[in-house]
Amino acid sequence: MPEQLTQSQIDALLNKMSTGGELEVEEDLRKIKEYDFTSPKKFTKEQLKALDGLHETFSRMLSSYLSGLLRSVCTVEVNQIEELRYYEYNNALPDNSLIGIVDFRPQDRRYSESTLMMDMSTTLGFYLVDRLLGGPGSGYDLSRDYTDIEVAILTNVFEKITSRLQDAWSNNMAVETKLSSIETNSRLLQVFSPDDIVVVVILTVKLGSLSGNLSICLPAESMEEVVDNFTARYARTTKRQDPEREQAKRRLILENVLDSNMEMQAVFDRFSMDLKDVLQLQPQDVIPLGKNISSDILVWVEGVPWFSGKLGETKGKKSVKLNKPFN
């Protein structure tokens, strides 16, 4: 039933009508969320949350791998997880794509095998090729197709990424992932039916000033029961661990880690010279550097920059004073 008007509201309406003024209609500020009944959602919020946590673990593994591979700081974050039709995902892919087809095989026979898709943005792909071939990482703004040599290089990278994806899934259930093929034309892919429901996980990869996307497409039909399995298993895990036992485990792990050896390098400057100049070098030659002697240096740990510091001398020996962590 309509809400009853007060006397003051009735008087205000009559006054507006008599003076010819326009009636002010209060705008409905309620937020309306659209829902497509022709494409019902298959995954619940709990299932999508479980997939988000799984790919957060995968992001950390991928960030560590790319940082070691490229010898630079890399961050990977889960940007978005959405459920849509496969044709919507496929139509959004550019013509020049780099897509890895991954075989996904759960070791539990109750679950069927399936296929995953991993799409890497062209800027990220060309950046990786440039860096892996010794370049500065500046020639990535390209719009051409990949060459056979570039595809072969990136196939090796995709294989390593696929193994990290298997490790991330293995925290929840035993699976085996294997890179089946690399495709560069998204319009010729017939992995799923156009109307199949898929879950798309978009990861944002940041390498210095470069930012690119890595998307993973999972079929909902086979993933729904798999995700149901480990979400229910973790929902029932409410037993609290013994604090003393957990503390003993932490001490044991820390003791083992403290015994490990790590290579540290203090790098004052890096520069390039022509090969002919290098061949003509003789003892007592002086090579001018591009930095002042009082400038900061970088301290590298296992090939990754960790600290900035200053050169110095302590008790007649060369030394390095650590200033702050390297950003």
C-alpha atoms as a PDB file:
ATOM      1  CA  MET A   1       0.000   0.000   0.000  1.00  0.00           C
ATOM      2  CA  PRO A   2       1.265   3.556  -0.665  1.00  0.00           C
ATOM      3  CA  GLU A   3       2.620   5.504   2.235  1.00  0.00           C
ATOM      4  CA  GLN A   4       0.120   8.014   3.691  1.00  0.00           C
ATOM      5  CA  LEU A   5       0.963  11.717   3.293  1.00  0.00           C
ATOM      6  CA  THR A   6       0.999  14.105   6.211  1.00  0.00           C
ATOM      7  CA  GLN A   7      -1.071  17.327   6.157  1.00  0.00           C
ATOM      8  CA  SER A   8       2.024  19.448   5.569  1.00  0.00           C
ATOM      9  CA  GLN A   9       2.967  17.330   2.545  1.00  0.00           C
ATOM     10  CA  ILE A  10      -0.564  17.650   1.115  1.00  0.00           C
ATOM     11  CA  ASP A  11      -0.426  21.439   1.571  1.00  0.00           C
ATOM     12  CA  ALA A  12       2.930  21.594  -0.160  1.00  0.00           C
ATOM     13  CA  LEU A  13       1.614  19.606  -3.147  1.00  0.00           C
ATOM     14  CA  LEU A  14      -1.462  21.822  -3.493  1.00  0.00           C
ATOM     15  CA  ASN A  15       0.708  24.950  -3.291  1.00  0.00           C
ATOM     16  CA  LYS A  16       2.972  23.665  -6.064  1.00  0.00           C
ATOM     17  CA  MET A  17      -0.008  22.842  -8.283  1.00  0.00           C
ATOM     18  CA  SER A  18      -1.652  26.237  -7.753  1.00  0.00           C
ATOM     19  CA  THR A  19       1.535  28.181  -8.528  1.00  0.00           C
ATOM     20  CA  GLY A  20       2.424  26.047 -11.556  1.00  0.00           C
ATOM     21  CA  GLY A  21       5.690  24.828 -10.057  1.00  0.00           C
ATOM     22  CA  GLU A  22       7.177  21.444 -10.891  1.00  0.00           C
ATOM     23  CA  LEU A  23       6.721  18.632  -8.437  1.00  0.00           C
ATOM     24  CA  GLU A  24       9.987  17.444  -6.937  1.00  0.00           C
ATOM     25  CA  VAL A  25      10.264  13.699  -7.187  1.00  0.00           C
ATOM     26  CA  GLU A  26      12.620  12.144  -4.698  1.00  0.00           C
ATOM     27  CA  GLU A  27      15.190  10.005  -6.479  1.00  0.00           C
ATOM     28  CA  ASP A  28      15.373   6.381  -5.407  1.00  0.00           C
ATOM     29  CA  LEU A  29      18.951   6.024  -4.202  1.00  0.00           C
ATOM     30  CA  ARG A  30      18.725   2.314  -3.551  1.00  0.00           C
ATOM     31  CA  LYS A  31      21.493   0.359  -5.266  1.00  0.00           C
ATOM     32  CA  ILE A  32      20.047  -2.159  -7.708  1.00  0.00           C
ATOM     33  CA  LYS A  33      22.177  -5.137  -8.713  1.00  0.00           C
ATOM     34  CA  GLU A  34      21.404  -6.697 -12.078  1.00  0.00           C
ATOM     35  CA  TYR A  35      21.019 -10.469 -12.332  1.00  0.00           C
ATOM     36  CA  ASP A  36      20.854 -12.425 -15.573  1.00  0.00           C
ATOM     37  CA  PHE A  37      18.442 -15.337 -15.076  1.00  0.00           C
ATOM     38  CA  THR A  38      19.503 -16.826 -18.420  1.00  0.00           C
ATOM     39  CA  SER A  39      23.028 -17.238 -17.011  1.00  0.00           C
ATOM     40  CA  PRO A  40      22.683 -18.389 -13.388  1.00  0.00           C
ATOM     41  CA  LYS A  41      25.756 -18.326 -11.160  1.00  0.00           C
ATOM     42  CA  LYS A  42      27.186 -21.726 -10.211  1.00  0.00           C
ATOM     43  CA  PHE A  43      29.760 -20.693  -7.629  1.00  0.00           C
ATOM     44  CA  THR A  44      28.850 -19.443  -4.181  1.00  0.00           C
ATOM     45  CA  LYS A  45      30.685 -16.646  -2.374  1.00  0.00           C
ATOM     46  CA  GLU A  46      32.450 -19.240  -0.204  1.00  0.00           C
ATOM     47  CA  GLN A  47      33.718 -21.097  -3.280  1.00  0.00           C
ATOM     48  CA  LEU A  48      34.983 -17.911  -4.922  1.00  0.00           C
ATOM     49  CA  LYS A  49      36.649 -16.949  -1.653  1.00  0.00           C
ATOM     50  CA  ALA A  50      38.389 -20.344  -1.566  1.00  0.00           C
ATOM     51  CA  LEU A  51      39.631 -19.826  -5.137  1.00  0.00           C
ATOM     52  CA  ASP A  52      40.820 -16.354  -4.187  1.00  0.00           C
ATOM     53  CA  GLY A  53      42.870 -17.757  -1.294  1.00  0.00           C
ATOM     54  CA  LEU A  54      44.333 -20.481  -3.518  1.00  0.00           C
ATOM     55  CA  HIS A  55      45.440 -17.982  -6.155  1.00  0.00           C
ATOM     56  CA  GLU A  56      46.855 -15.662  -3.496  1.00  0.00           C
ATOM     57  CA  THR A  57      49.235 -18.510  -2.660  1.00  0.00           C
ATOM     58  CA  PHE A  58      49.958 -18.979  -6.365  1.00  0.00           C
ATOM     59  CA  SER A  59      50.639 -15.225  -6.689  1.00  0.00           C
ATOM     60  CA  ARG A  60      53.322 -15.366  -4.004  1.00  0.00           C
ATOM     61  CA  MET A  61      54.980 -18.356  -5.692  1.00  0.00           C
ATOM     62  CA  LEU A  62      54.854 -16.658  -9.095  1.00  0.00           C
ATOM     63  CA  SER A  63      56.252 -13.413  -7.659  1.00  0.00           C
ATOM     64  CA  SER A  64      59.218 -15.279  -6.150  1.00  0.00           C
ATOM     65  CA  TYR A  65      59.883 -17.140  -9.418  1.00  0.00           C
ATOM     66  CA  LEU A  66      59.795 -14.024 -11.624  1.00  0.00           C
ATOM     67  CA  SER A  67      61.951 -12.044  -9.180  1.00  0.00           C
ATOM     68  CA  GLY A  68      64.657 -14.727  -9.320  1.00  0.00           C
ATOM     69  CA  LEU A  69      64.321 -15.173 -13.080  1.00  0.00           C
ATOM     70  CA  LEU A  70      64.588 -11.490 -13.975  1.00  0.00           C
ATOM     71  CA  ARG A  71      66.817 -10.392 -11.057  1.00  0.00           C
ATOM     72  CA  SER A  72      64.405  -7.566 -10.215  1.00  0.00           C
ATOM     73  CA  VAL A  73      61.586  -6.923  -7.772  1.00  0.00           C
ATOM     74  CA  CYS A  74      58.272  -8.373  -8.961  1.00  0.00           C
ATOM     75  CA  THR A  75      54.839  -8.289  -7.317  1.00  0.00           C
ATOM     76  CA  VAL A  76      51.819 -10.361  -8.314  1.00  0.00           C
ATOM     77  CA  GLU A  77      48.327  -9.701  -6.933  1.00  0.00           C
ATOM     78  CA  VAL A  78      44.886 -11.215  -7.475  1.00  0.00           C
ATOM     79  CA  ASN A  79      42.975  -8.403  -9.149  1.00  0.00           C
ATOM     80  CA  GLN A  80      39.586  -9.964  -9.900  1.00  0.00           C
ATOM     81  CA  ILE A  81      37.652 -13.242  -9.901  1.00  0.00           C
ATOM     82  CA  GLU A  82      34.470 -13.381 -11.937  1.00  0.00           C
ATOM     83  CA  GLU A  83      32.113 -15.965 -13.369  1.00  0.00           C
ATOM     84  CA  LEU A  84      30.942 -15.589 -16.977  1.00  0.00           C
ATOM     85  CA  ARG A  85      30.303 -17.380 -20.254  1.00  0.00           C
ATOM     86  CA  TYR A  86      33.311 -18.654 -22.189  1.00  0.00           C
ATOM     87  CA  TYR A  87      32.450 -16.642 -25.306  1.00  0.00           C
ATOM     88  CA  GLU A  88      32.569 -13.444 -23.210  1.00  0.00           C
ATOM     89  CA  TYR A  89      36.063 -14.306 -22.029  1.00  0.00           C
ATOM     90  CA  ASN A  90      37.226 -15.353 -25.490  1.00  0.00           C
ATOM     91  CA  ASN A  91      35.834 -12.222 -27.178  1.00  0.00           C
ATOM     92  CA  ALA A  92      37.762 -10.048 -24.699  1.00  0.00           C
ATOM     93  CA  LEU A  93      41.089 -11.613 -25.696  1.00  0.00           C
ATOM     94  CA  PRO A  94      43.201  -9.667 -28.235  1.00  0.00           C
ATOM     95  CA  ASP A  95      44.063 -11.138 -31.623  1.00  0.00           C
ATOM     96  CA  ASN A  96      47.775 -11.363 -30.725  1.00  0.00           C
ATOM     97  CA  SER A  97      47.628 -13.536 -27.632  1.00  0.00           C
ATOM     98  CA  LEU A  98      49.870 -15.935 -25.765  1.00  0.00           C
ATOM     99  CA  ILE A  99      47.681 -18.660 -24.277  1.00  0.00           C
ATOM    100  CA  GLY A 100      48.900 -21.758 -22.479  1.00  0.00           C
ATOM    101  CA  ILE A 101      46.642 -24.839 -22.503  1.00  0.00           C
ATOM    102  CA  VAL A 102      47.125 -26.735 -19.241  1.00  0.00           C
ATOM    103  CA  ASP A 103      45.962 -30.288 -18.493  1.00  0.00           C
ATOM    104  CA  PHE A 104      44.512 -30.469 -14.971  1.00  0.00           C
ATOM    105  CA  ARG A 105      44.384 -34.013 -13.509  1.00  0.00           C
ATOM    106  CA  PRO A 106      43.215 -34.626  -9.920  1.00  0.00           C
ATOM    107  CA  GLN A 107      44.773 -37.781  -8.490  1.00  0.00           C
ATOM    108  CA  ASP A 108      41.451 -38.637  -6.850  1.00  0.00           C
ATOM    109  CA  ARG A 109      39.576 -40.690  -9.464  1.00  0.00           C
ATOM    110  CA  ARG A 110      36.247 -39.292  -8.283  1.00  0.00           C
ATOM    111  CA  TYR A 111      37.011 -36.043 -10.064  1.00  0.00           C
ATOM    112  CA  SER A 112      37.271 -35.797 -13.818  1.00  0.00           C
ATOM    113  CA  GLU A 113      40.204 -34.319 -15.715  1.00  0.00           C
ATOM    114  CA  SER A 114      39.801 -30.848 -17.184  1.00  0.00           C
ATOM    115  CA  THR A 115      41.643 -28.171 -19.121  1.00  0.00           C
ATOM    116  CA  LEU A 116      42.725 -24.728 -17.938  1.00  0.00           C
ATOM    117  CA  MET A 117      43.753 -21.692 -19.980  1.00  0.00           C
ATOM    118  CA  MET A 118      46.411 -19.130 -19.036  1.00  0.00           C
ATOM    119  CA  ASP A 119      46.597 -15.916 -21.058  1.00  0.00           C
ATOM    120  CA  MET A 120      49.599 -13.581 -20.711  1.00  0.00           C
ATOM    121  CA  SER A 121      49.333  -9.998 -21.953  1.00  0.00           C
ATOM    122  CA  THR A 122      51.580  -9.127 -24.914  1.00  0.00           C
ATOM    123  CA  THR A 123      53.385  -6.360 -23.002  1.00  0.00           C
ATOM    124  CA  LEU A 124      54.383  -8.834 -20.303  1.00  0.00           C
ATOM    125  CA  GLY A 125      55.351 -11.496 -22.859  1.00  0.00           C
ATOM    126  CA  PHE A 126      57.622  -9.220 -24.903  1.00  0.00           C
ATOM    127  CA  TYR A 127      59.124  -7.790 -21.701  1.00  0.00           C
ATOM    128  CA  LEU A 128      60.091 -11.297 -20.541  1.00  0.00           C
ATOM    129  CA  VAL A 129      61.637 -12.114 -23.922  1.00  0.00           C
ATOM    130  CA  ASP A 130      63.640  -8.887 -23.946  1.00  0.00           C
ATOM    131  CA  ARG A 131      64.983  -9.404 -20.413  1.00  0.00           C
ATOM    132  CA  LEU A 132      65.746 -13.108 -20.858  1.00  0.00           C
ATOM    133  CA  LEU A 133      67.770 -12.343 -23.992  1.00  0.00           C
ATOM    134  CA  GLY A 134      69.872  -9.753 -22.143  1.00  0.00           C
ATOM    135  CA  GLY A 135      67.973  -6.608 -23.075  1.00  0.00           C
ATOM    136  CA  PRO A 136      67.058  -3.720 -20.769  1.00  0.00           C
ATOM    137  CA  GLY A 137      63.350  -4.587 -20.820  1.00  0.00           C
ATOM    138  CA  SER A 138      62.268  -1.566 -22.852  1.00  0.00           C
ATOM    139  CA  GLY A 139      61.101  -3.205 -26.077  1.00  0.00           C
ATOM    140  CA  TYR A 140      57.734  -4.537 -24.924  1.00  0.00           C
ATOM    141  CA  ASP A 141      55.288  -2.065 -26.510  1.00  0.00           C
ATOM    142  CA  LEU A 142      54.773  -4.166 -29.649  1.00  0.00           C
ATOM    143  CA  SER A 143      51.671  -5.158 -31.601  1.00  0.00           C
ATOM    144  CA  ARG A 144      53.074  -7.898 -33.840  1.00  0.00           C
ATOM    145  CA  ASP A 145      52.813 -11.689 -33.599  1.00  0.00           C
ATOM    146  CA  TYR A 146      55.330 -13.758 -31.642  1.00  0.00           C
ATOM    147  CA  THR A 147      58.155 -15.409 -33.582  1.00  0.00           C
ATOM    148  CA  ASP A 148      58.923 -19.124 -33.233  1.00  0.00           C
ATOM    149  CA  ILE A 149      62.005 -18.374 -31.112  1.00  0.00           C
ATOM    150  CA  GLU A 150      60.008 -16.108 -28.790  1.00  0.00           C
ATOM    151  CA  VAL A 151      57.309 -18.776 -28.410  1.00  0.00           C
ATOM    152  CA  ALA A 152      59.976 -21.368 -27.547  1.00  0.00           C
ATOM    153  CA  ILE A 153      61.437 -19.078 -24.850  1.00  0.00           C
ATOM    154  CA  LEU A 154      58.028 -18.300 -23.349  1.00  0.00           C
ATOM    155  CA  THR A 155      57.020 -21.970 -23.461  1.00  0.00           C
ATOM    156  CA  ASN A 156      59.763 -22.680 -20.930  1.00  0.00           C
ATOM    157  CA  VAL A 157      58.438 -19.831 -18.733  1.00  0.00           C
ATOM    158  CA  PHE A 158      54.890 -21.191 -18.978  1.00  0.00           C
ATOM    159  CA  GLU A 159      56.093 -24.648 -17.921  1.00  0.00           C
ATOM    160  CA  LYS A 160      57.629 -23.180 -14.767  1.00  0.00           C
ATOM    161  CA  ILE A 161      54.436 -21.186 -14.072  1.00  0.00           C
ATOM    162  CA  THR A 162      52.380 -24.361 -14.525  1.00  0.00           C
ATOM    163  CA  SER A 163      54.511 -26.176 -11.936  1.00  0.00           C
ATOM    164  CA  ARG A 164      53.896 -23.317  -9.455  1.00  0.00           C
ATOM    165  CA  LEU A 165      50.178 -23.611 -10.123  1.00  0.00           C
ATOM    166  CA  GLN A 166      50.373 -27.323  -9.291  1.00  0.00           C
ATOM    167  CA  ASP A 167      52.165 -26.519  -6.018  1.00  0.00           C
ATOM    168  CA  ALA A 168      49.444 -24.026  -5.083  1.00  0.00           C
ATOM    169  CA  TRP A 169      46.679 -26.564  -5.736  1.00  0.00           C
ATOM    170  CA  SER A 170      48.596 -29.291  -3.888  1.00  0.00           C
ATOM    171  CA  ASN A 171      48.093 -27.377  -0.645  1.00  0.00           C
ATOM    172  CA  ASN A 172      44.408 -28.267  -0.947  1.00  0.00           C
ATOM    173  CA  MET A 173      44.332 -31.530  -2.905  1.00  0.00           C
ATOM    174  CA  ALA A 174      46.686 -33.741  -4.904  1.00  0.00           C
ATOM    175  CA  VAL A 175      46.668 -32.706  -8.565  1.00  0.00           C
ATOM    176  CA  GLU A 176      48.961 -32.874 -11.567  1.00  0.00           C
ATOM    177  CA  THR A 177      49.231 -30.021 -14.062  1.00  0.00           C
ATOM    178  CA  LYS A 178      51.060 -30.171 -17.370  1.00  0.00           C
ATOM    179  CA  LEU A 179      51.441 -27.594 -20.129  1.00  0.00           C
ATOM    180  CA  SER A 180      49.862 -29.128 -23.215  1.00  0.00           C
ATOM    181  CA  SER A 181      50.473 -26.436 -25.836  1.00  0.00           C
ATOM    182  CA  ILE A 182      50.953 -22.721 -26.493  1.00  0.00           C
ATOM    183  CA  GLU A 183      48.516 -20.893 -28.764  1.00  0.00           C
ATOM    184  CA  THR A 184      48.922 -17.407 -30.224  1.00  0.00           C
ATOM    185  CA  ASN A 185      45.534 -16.974 -31.921  1.00  0.00           C
ATOM    186  CA  SER A 186      42.579 -16.763 -29.532  1.00  0.00           C
ATOM    187  CA  ARG A 187      40.022 -16.822 -32.362  1.00  0.00           C
ATOM    188  CA  LEU A 188      40.943 -20.391 -33.336  1.00  0.00           C
ATOM    189  CA  LEU A 189      40.659 -21.827 -29.817  1.00  0.00           C
ATOM    190  CA  GLN A 190      37.905 -24.389 -29.259  1.00  0.00           C
ATOM    191  CA  VAL A 191      38.729 -25.419 -25.695  1.00  0.00           C
ATOM    192  CA  PHE A 192      35.198 -24.988 -24.303  1.00  0.00           C
ATOM    193  CA  SER A 193      31.719 -24.558 -25.702  1.00  0.00           C
ATOM    194  CA  PRO A 194      30.793 -20.866 -26.157  1.00  0.00           C
ATOM    195  CA  ASP A 195      27.954 -21.106 -23.615  1.00  0.00           C
ATOM    196  CA  ASP A 196      29.970 -22.956 -20.954  1.00  0.00           C
ATOM    197  CA  ILE A 197      30.319 -21.227 -17.595  1.00  0.00           C
ATOM    198  CA  VAL A 198      33.922 -20.420 -16.657  1.00  0.00           C
ATOM    199  CA  VAL A 199      35.641 -18.708 -13.741  1.00  0.00           C
ATOM    200  CA  VAL A 200      38.271 -16.152 -14.757  1.00  0.00           C
ATOM    201  CA  VAL A 201      41.033 -15.213 -12.310  1.00  0.00           C
ATOM    202  CA  ILE A 202      42.925 -12.046 -13.298  1.00  0.00           C
ATOM    203  CA  LEU A 203      46.387 -11.535 -11.792  1.00  0.00           C
ATOM    204  CA  THR A 204      48.229  -8.218 -12.040  1.00  0.00           C
ATOM    205  CA  VAL A 205      51.999  -8.567 -12.516  1.00  0.00           C
ATOM    206  CA  LYS A 206      54.144  -5.507 -11.733  1.00  0.00           C
ATOM    207  CA  LEU A 207      57.776  -5.400 -12.867  1.00  0.00           C
ATOM    208  CA  GLY A 208      59.225  -1.961 -12.208  1.00  0.00           C
ATOM    209  CA  SER A 209      57.211   0.534 -14.248  1.00  0.00           C
ATOM    210  CA  LEU A 210      55.565  -2.248 -16.273  1.00  0.00           C
ATOM    211  CA  SER A 211      52.184  -3.651 -15.307  1.00  0.00           C
ATOM    212  CA  GLY A 212      50.612  -6.587 -17.154  1.00  0.00           C
ATOM    213  CA  ASN A 213      47.907  -9.191 -16.625  1.00  0.00           C
ATOM    214  CA  LEU A 214      47.948 -12.961 -16.406  1.00  0.00           C
ATOM    215  CA  SER A 215      44.457 -14.479 -16.559  1.00  0.00           C
ATOM    216  CA  ILE A 216      43.501 -18.066 -15.712  1.00  0.00           C
ATOM    217  CA  CYS A 217      40.280 -19.530 -17.120  1.00  0.00           C
ATOM    218  CA  LEU A 218      38.779 -22.484 -15.191  1.00  0.00           C
ATOM    219  CA  PRO A 219      35.735 -24.492 -16.386  1.00  0.00           C
ATOM    220  CA  ALA A 220      32.921 -24.321 -13.827  1.00  0.00           C
ATOM    221  CA  GLU A 221      31.503 -27.746 -14.653  1.00  0.00           C
ATOM    222  CA  SER A 222      34.544 -29.683 -13.426  1.00  0.00           C
ATOM    223  CA  MET A 223      35.891 -27.126 -10.923  1.00  0.00           C
ATOM    224  CA  GLU A 224      32.672 -26.837  -8.922  1.00  0.00           C
ATOM    225  CA  GLU A 225      32.938 -30.285  -7.336  1.00  0.00           C
ATOM    226  CA  VAL A 226      36.703 -29.931  -6.815  1.00  0.00           C
ATOM    227  CA  VAL A 227      36.358 -26.607  -5.004  1.00  0.00           C
ATOM    228  CA  ASP A 228      33.445 -28.020  -2.988  1.00  0.00           C
ATOM    229  CA  ASN A 229      35.740 -30.781  -1.742  1.00  0.00           C
ATOM    230  CA  PHE A 230      38.496 -28.692  -0.209  1.00  0.00           C
ATOM    231  CA  THR A 231      36.209 -25.856   0.988  1.00  0.00           C
ATOM    232  CA  ALA A 232      34.156 -28.388   2.969  1.00  0.00           C
ATOM    233  CA  ARG A 233      37.309 -30.080   4.260  1.00  0.00           C
ATOM    234  CA  TYR A 234      38.735 -26.820   5.549  1.00  0.00           C
ATOM    235  CA  ALA A 235      35.387 -25.754   6.987  1.00  0.00           C
ATOM    236  CA  ARG A 236      35.427 -28.843   9.233  1.00  0.00           C
ATOM    237  CA  THR A 237      39.008 -28.194  10.382  1.00  0.00           C
ATOM    238  CA  THR A 238      38.341 -26.466  13.697  1.00  0.00           C
ATOM    239  CA  LYS A 239      40.862 -28.302  15.892  1.00  0.00           C
ATOM    240  CA  ARG A 240      43.362 -25.964  17.524  1.00  0.00           C
ATOM    241  CA  GLN A 241      47.012 -26.902  17.519  1.00  0.00           C
ATOM    242  CA  ASP A 242      49.045 -27.244  20.710  1.00  0.00           C
ATOM    243  CA  PRO A 243      50.892 -23.891  21.184  1.00  0.00           C
ATOM    244  CA  GLU A 244      53.995 -25.570  22.642  1.00  0.00           C
ATOM    245  CA  ARG A 245      54.198 -27.994  19.724  1.00  0.00           C
ATOM    246  CA  GLU A 246      53.768 -25.163  17.225  1.00  0.00           C
ATOM    247  CA  GLN A 247      56.525 -23.188  18.956  1.00  0.00           C
ATOM    248  CA  ALA A 248      58.840 -26.200  18.813  1.00  0.00           C
ATOM    249  CA  LYS A 249      58.157 -26.544  15.092  1.00  0.00           C
ATOM    250  CA  ARG A 250      58.962 -22.871  14.551  1.00  0.00           C
ATOM    251  CA  ARG A 251      62.257 -23.206  16.440  1.00  0.00           C
ATOM    252  CA  LEU A 252      63.225 -26.304  14.454  1.00  0.00           C
ATOM    253  CA  ILE A 253      62.463 -24.600  11.125  1.00  0.00           C
ATOM    254  CA  LEU A 254      64.359 -21.464  12.160  1.00  0.00           C
ATOM    255  CA  GLU A 255      67.417 -23.487  13.241  1.00  0.00           C
ATOM    256  CA  ASN A 256      67.518 -25.239   9.871  1.00  0.00           C
ATOM    257  CA  VAL A 257      67.123 -21.957   8.004  1.00  0.00           C
ATOM    258  CA  LEU A 258      69.903 -20.293  10.002  1.00  0.00           C
ATOM    259  CA  ASP A 259      72.371 -22.958   8.836  1.00  0.00           C
ATOM    260  CA  SER A 260      71.754 -22.202   5.153  1.00  0.00           C
ATOM    261  CA  ASN A 261      74.325 -20.246   3.144  1.00  0.00           C
ATOM    262  CA  MET A 262      73.349 -17.236   1.020  1.00  0.00           C
ATOM    263  CA  GLU A 263      75.582 -15.320  -1.369  1.00  0.00           C
ATOM    264  CA  MET A 264      75.806 -11.546  -0.770  1.00  0.00           C
ATOM    265  CA  GLN A 265      77.293  -9.046  -3.230  1.00  0.00           C
ATOM    266  CA  ALA A 266      78.007  -5.347  -2.736  1.00  0.00           C
ATOM    267  CA  VAL A 267      77.800  -3.703  -6.182  1.00  0.00           C
ATOM    268  CA  PHE A 268      79.108  -0.157  -6.545  1.00  0.00           C
ATOM    269  CA  ASP A 269      78.280   0.362 -10.235  1.00  0.00           C
ATOM    270  CA  ARG A 270      77.537  -1.486 -13.470  1.00  0.00           C
ATOM    271  CA  PHE A 271      78.591  -0.248 -16.890  1.00  0.00           C
ATOM    272  CA  SER A 272      79.220  -1.565 -20.395  1.00  0.00           C
ATOM    273  CA  MET A 273      82.279  -1.383 -22.635  1.00  0.00           C
ATOM    274  CA  ASP A 274      82.961  -2.344 -26.220  1.00  0.00           C
ATOM    275  CA  LEU A 275      84.665  -5.692 -26.660  1.00  0.00           C
ATOM    276  CA  LYS A 276      87.638  -4.082 -28.390  1.00  0.00           C
ATOM    277  CA  ASP A 277      88.189  -1.810 -25.371  1.00  0.00           C
ATOM    278  CA  VAL A 278      88.007  -4.779 -23.012  1.00  0.00           C
ATOM    279  CA  LEU A 279      90.639  -6.667 -25.035  1.00  0.00           C
ATOM    280  CA  GLN A 280      93.017  -3.678 -24.840  1.00  0.00           C
ATOM    281  CA  LEU A 281      92.874  -3.355 -21.036  1.00  0.00           C
ATOM    282  CA  GLN A 282      96.237  -3.554 -19.267  1.00  0.00           C
ATOM    283  CA  PRO A 283      97.293  -3.526 -15.596  1.00  0.00           C
ATOM    284  CA  GLN A 284      97.378  -0.014 -14.059  1.00  0.00           C
ATOM    285  CA  ASP A 285      94.674   1.213 -16.485  1.00  0.00           C
ATOM    286  CA  VAL A 286      92.053   3.478 -14.930  1.00  0.00           C
ATOM    287  CA  ILE A 287      88.375   2.945 -15.808  1.00  0.00           C
ATOM    288  CA  PRO A 288      86.172   5.986 -14.984  1.00  0.00           C
ATOM    289  CA  LEU A 289      82.800   5.094 -13.471  1.00  0.00           C
ATOM    290  CA  GLY A 290      79.523   6.951 -13.734  1.00  0.00           C
ATOM    291  CA  LYS A 291      79.046   7.359  -9.968  1.00  0.00           C
ATOM    292  CA  ASN A 292      80.619   9.451  -7.251  1.00  0.00           C
ATOM    293  CA  ILE A 293      82.727   7.547  -4.711  1.00  0.00           C
ATOM    294  CA  SER A 294      80.353   8.682  -1.941  1.00  0.00           C
ATOM    295  CA  SER A 295      77.234   7.423  -3.726  1.00  0.00           C
ATOM    296  CA  ASP A 296      75.081   4.630  -2.349  1.00  0.00           C
ATOM    297  CA  ILE A 297      75.749   1.070  -3.430  1.00  0.00           C
ATOM    298  CA  LEU A 298      73.418  -1.905  -3.736  1.00  0.00           C
ATOM    299  CA  VAL A 299      73.760  -5.029  -1.620  1.00  0.00           C
ATOM    300  CA  TRP A 300      72.392  -8.102  -3.414  1.00  0.00           C
ATOM    301  CA  VAL A 301      71.301 -11.334  -1.689  1.00  0.00           C
ATOM    302  CA  GLU A 302      71.115 -14.360  -3.993  1.00  0.00           C
ATOM    303  CA  GLY A 303      70.800 -12.067  -7.021  1.00  0.00           C
ATOM    304  CA  VAL A 304      67.992  -9.931  -5.519  1.00  0.00           C
ATOM    305  CA  PRO A 305      68.618  -6.309  -4.365  1.00  0.00           C
ATOM    306  CA  TRP A 306      67.948  -6.099  -0.609  1.00  0.00           C
ATOM    307  CA  PHE A 307      69.723  -3.047   0.840  1.00  0.00           C
ATOM    308  CA  SER A 308      71.346   0.224  -0.098  1.00  0.00           C
ATOM    309  CA  GLY A 309      74.579   1.076   1.679  1.00  0.00           C
ATOM    310  CA  LYS A 310      77.810   3.059   1.837  1.00  0.00           C
ATOM    311  CA  LEU A 311      81.385   1.964   1.162  1.00  0.00           C
ATOM    312  CA  GLY A 312      83.752   2.334   4.094  1.00  0.00           C
ATOM    313  CA  GLU A 313      86.695   0.873   5.967  1.00  0.00           C
ATOM    314  CA  THR A 314      86.861  -0.882   9.365  1.00  0.00           C
ATOM    315  CA  LYS A 315      90.133  -1.970  11.027  1.00  0.00           C
ATOM    316  CA  GLY A 316      92.035  -1.667   7.761  1.00  0.00           C
ATOM    317  CA  LYS A 317      89.495  -3.722   5.781  1.00  0.00           C
ATOM    318  CA  LYS A 318      86.944  -2.628   3.225  1.00  0.00           C
ATOM    319  CA  SER A 319      83.397  -2.697   4.591  1.00  0.00           C
ATOM    320  CA  VAL A 320      79.800  -1.793   3.701  1.00  0.00           C
ATOM    321  CA  LYS A 321      77.372   0.031   5.971  1.00  0.00           C
ATOM    322  CA  LEU A 322      73.736  -0.931   5.375  1.00  0.00           C
ATOM    323  CA  ASN A 323      71.435   2.086   5.199  1.00  0.00           C
ATOM    324  CA  LYS A 324      67.916   0.919   4.429  1.00  0.00           C
ATOM    325  CA  PRO A 325      66.039  -1.883   2.596  1.00  0.00           C
ATOM    326  CA  PHE A 326      65.930  -1.518  -1.159  1.00  0.00           C
ATOM    327  CA  ASN A 327      62.452  -0.586  -2.463  1.00  0.00           C
END
